[in-house]
Amino acid sequence: MYLYNCLKNDQQVDLSKITPEYLGINARYFQYILINLVNDGYLMKDSTYEDMNVLNITQDIMISPKGIAYLHENSTIAKVKCSIKGLSDIVGNVNPL
């Protein structure tokens, strides 16, 4: 969401917020996530560069249209799940005959 909000609000990305330390994960897992976000097209290709077999983030990191679509789809799905959960709480469990 952070990269999307930066793009939408025309704000510069704070690279210190996109580090394993800031995110509370180990460096290997961070690399795994970053590689897959780029390879799957959720980040623009020029968002990273490789140096000594490590993927590094550039100042130009940007979410791709595919990444934005993914965020919107998951947000909608979460809202539907929440609504269904609320309906289930009101109606109770209904078993088909």
C-alpha atoms as a PDB file:
ATOM      1  CA  MET A   1       0.000   0.000   0.000  1.00  0.00           C
ATOM      2  CA  TYR A   2       2.897   2.349   0.768  1.00  0.00           C
ATOM      3  CA  LEU A   3       4.192   2.485  -2.811  1.00  0.00           C
ATOM      4  CA  TYR A   4       0.678   2.952  -4.155  1.00  0.00           C
ATOM      5  CA  ASN A   5      -0.013   5.815  -1.733  1.00  0.00           C
ATOM      6  CA  CYS A   6       3.279   7.505  -2.651  1.00  0.00           C
ATOM      7  CA  LEU A   7       2.419   7.297  -6.349  1.00  0.00           C
ATOM      8  CA  LYS A   8      -1.170   8.426  -5.855  1.00  0.00           C
ATOM      9  CA  ASN A   9      -0.181  11.379  -3.644  1.00  0.00           C
ATOM     10  CA  ASP A  10       2.881  12.350  -5.725  1.00  0.00           C
ATOM     11  CA  GLN A  11       5.213  11.751  -2.773  1.00  0.00           C
ATOM     12  CA  GLN A  12       8.829  10.618  -2.843  1.00  0.00           C
ATOM     13  CA  VAL A  13       9.347   7.069  -1.567  1.00  0.00           C
ATOM     14  CA  ASP A  14      11.276   6.895   1.705  1.00  0.00           C
ATOM     15  CA  LEU A  15      13.664   4.008   1.016  1.00  0.00           C
ATOM     16  CA  SER A  16      14.273   3.556   4.742  1.00  0.00           C
ATOM     17  CA  LYS A  17      10.707   2.199   4.938  1.00  0.00           C
ATOM     18  CA  ILE A  18      11.523  -0.538   2.431  1.00  0.00           C
ATOM     19  CA  THR A  19      14.230  -2.440   4.285  1.00  0.00           C
ATOM     20  CA  PRO A  20      14.251  -5.803   6.042  1.00  0.00           C
ATOM     21  CA  GLU A  21      14.951  -4.050   9.342  1.00  0.00           C
ATOM     22  CA  TYR A  22      12.035  -1.637   9.008  1.00  0.00           C
ATOM     23  CA  LEU A  23       9.681  -4.426   7.939  1.00  0.00           C
ATOM     24  CA  GLY A  24      10.874  -6.749  10.711  1.00  0.00           C
ATOM     25  CA  ILE A  25      11.937  -9.601   8.414  1.00  0.00           C
ATOM     26  CA  ASN A  26      15.276 -11.238   7.640  1.00  0.00           C
ATOM     27  CA  ALA A  27      17.338 -10.206   4.598  1.00  0.00           C
ATOM     28  CA  ARG A  28      16.890 -13.523   2.784  1.00  0.00           C
ATOM     29  CA  TYR A  29      13.091 -13.346   3.029  1.00  0.00           C
ATOM     30  CA  PHE A  30      13.170  -9.692   1.937  1.00  0.00           C
ATOM     31  CA  GLN A  31      15.184 -10.657  -1.163  1.00  0.00           C
ATOM     32  CA  TYR A  32      12.736 -13.482  -1.913  1.00  0.00           C
ATOM     33  CA  ILE A  33       9.766 -11.103  -1.740  1.00  0.00           C
ATOM     34  CA  LEU A  34      11.486  -8.403  -3.788  1.00  0.00           C
ATOM     35  CA  ILE A  35      12.581 -10.818  -6.530  1.00  0.00           C
ATOM     36  CA  ASN A  36       9.078 -12.223  -6.855  1.00  0.00           C
ATOM     37  CA  LEU A  37       7.379  -8.811  -6.850  1.00  0.00           C
ATOM     38  CA  VAL A  38       9.586  -7.774  -9.771  1.00  0.00           C
ATOM     39  CA  ASN A  39       9.413 -11.104 -11.637  1.00  0.00           C
ATOM     40  CA  ASP A  40       5.623 -11.299 -11.273  1.00  0.00           C
ATOM     41  CA  GLY A  41       5.213  -7.743 -12.538  1.00  0.00           C
ATOM     42  CA  TYR A  42       3.927  -6.086  -9.348  1.00  0.00           C
ATOM     43  CA  LEU A  43       6.839  -3.612  -9.353  1.00  0.00           C
ATOM     44  CA  MET A  44       8.135  -1.706 -12.362  1.00  0.00           C
ATOM     45  CA  LYS A  45      11.268  -3.288 -13.864  1.00  0.00           C
ATOM     46  CA  ASP A  46      13.493  -0.244 -13.177  1.00  0.00           C
ATOM     47  CA  SER A  47      12.606  -0.363  -9.468  1.00  0.00           C
ATOM     48  CA  THR A  48      15.614  -2.544  -8.694  1.00  0.00           C
ATOM     49  CA  TYR A  49      19.141  -3.359  -9.815  1.00  0.00           C
ATOM     50  CA  GLU A  50      21.367  -6.339  -9.099  1.00  0.00           C
ATOM     51  CA  ASP A  51      24.726  -5.908  -7.411  1.00  0.00           C
ATOM     52  CA  MET A  52      26.834  -8.895  -6.311  1.00  0.00           C
ATOM     53  CA  ASN A  53      23.830 -11.246  -6.551  1.00  0.00           C
ATOM     54  CA  VAL A  54      21.679  -9.018  -4.343  1.00  0.00           C
ATOM     55  CA  LEU A  55      18.666  -7.120  -5.608  1.00  0.00           C
ATOM     56  CA  ASN A  56      18.746  -3.475  -4.502  1.00  0.00           C
ATOM     57  CA  ILE A  57      15.938  -0.924  -4.592  1.00  0.00           C
ATOM     58  CA  THR A  58      16.340   2.244  -6.636  1.00  0.00           C
ATOM     59  CA  GLN A  59      15.005   5.671  -5.705  1.00  0.00           C
ATOM     60  CA  ASP A  60      12.625   5.244  -8.664  1.00  0.00           C
ATOM     61  CA  ILE A  61      10.851   2.209  -7.170  1.00  0.00           C
ATOM     62  CA  MET A  62       7.247   2.204  -8.300  1.00  0.00           C
ATOM     63  CA  ILE A  63       4.265  -0.114  -8.123  1.00  0.00           C
ATOM     64  CA  SER A  64       3.071  -1.346 -11.523  1.00  0.00           C
ATOM     65  CA  PRO A  65      -0.489  -1.231 -12.878  1.00  0.00           C
ATOM     66  CA  LYS A  66      -0.668  -4.987 -12.183  1.00  0.00           C
ATOM     67  CA  GLY A  67       0.382  -4.315  -8.574  1.00  0.00           C
ATOM     68  CA  ILE A  68      -2.310  -1.654  -8.197  1.00  0.00           C
ATOM     69  CA  ALA A  69      -4.940  -4.008  -9.621  1.00  0.00           C
ATOM     70  CA  TYR A  70      -3.848  -6.688  -7.142  1.00  0.00           C
ATOM     71  CA  LEU A  71      -4.195  -4.281  -4.206  1.00  0.00           C
ATOM     72  CA  HIS A  72      -7.672  -3.221  -5.310  1.00  0.00           C
ATOM     73  CA  GLU A  73      -8.847  -6.801  -5.890  1.00  0.00           C
ATOM     74  CA  ASN A  74      -7.610  -7.963  -2.489  1.00  0.00           C
ATOM     75  CA  SER A  75      -9.184  -4.946  -0.794  1.00  0.00           C
ATOM     76  CA  THR A  76     -12.528  -5.743  -2.410  1.00  0.00           C
ATOM     77  CA  ILE A  77     -12.266  -9.418  -1.463  1.00  0.00           C
ATOM     78  CA  ALA A  78     -11.497  -8.478   2.155  1.00  0.00           C
ATOM     79  CA  LYS A  79     -14.548  -6.200   2.270  1.00  0.00           C
ATOM     80  CA  VAL A  80     -16.773  -8.957   0.865  1.00  0.00           C
ATOM     81  CA  LYS A  81     -15.410 -11.462   3.401  1.00  0.00           C
ATOM     82  CA  CYS A  82     -16.079  -9.000   6.207  1.00  0.00           C
ATOM     83  CA  SER A  83     -19.622  -8.396   4.958  1.00  0.00           C
ATOM     84  CA  ILE A  84     -20.294 -12.120   4.686  1.00  0.00           C
ATOM     85  CA  LYS A  85     -18.908 -12.646   8.193  1.00  0.00           C
ATOM     86  CA  GLY A  86     -21.232  -9.926   9.482  1.00  0.00           C
ATOM     87  CA  LEU A  87     -24.187 -11.502   7.683  1.00  0.00           C
ATOM     88  CA  SER A  88     -23.275 -14.896   9.105  1.00  0.00           C
ATOM     89  CA  ASP A  89     -23.207 -13.412  12.620  1.00  0.00           C
ATOM     90  CA  ILE A  90     -26.690 -11.981  12.110  1.00  0.00           C
ATOM     91  CA  VAL A  91     -28.331 -14.919  10.327  1.00  0.00           C
ATOM     92  CA  GLY A  92     -26.363 -17.733  11.908  1.00  0.00           C
ATOM     93  CA  ASN A  93     -25.257 -20.910  10.219  1.00  0.00           C
ATOM     94  CA  VAL A  94     -27.691 -22.008   7.553  1.00  0.00           C
ATOM     95  CA  ASN A  95     -27.488 -25.616   6.438  1.00  0.00           C
ATOM     96  CA  PRO A  96     -28.953 -26.623   3.096  1.00  0.00           C
ATOM     97  CA  LEU A  97     -31.729 -29.223   3.214  1.00  0.00           C
END
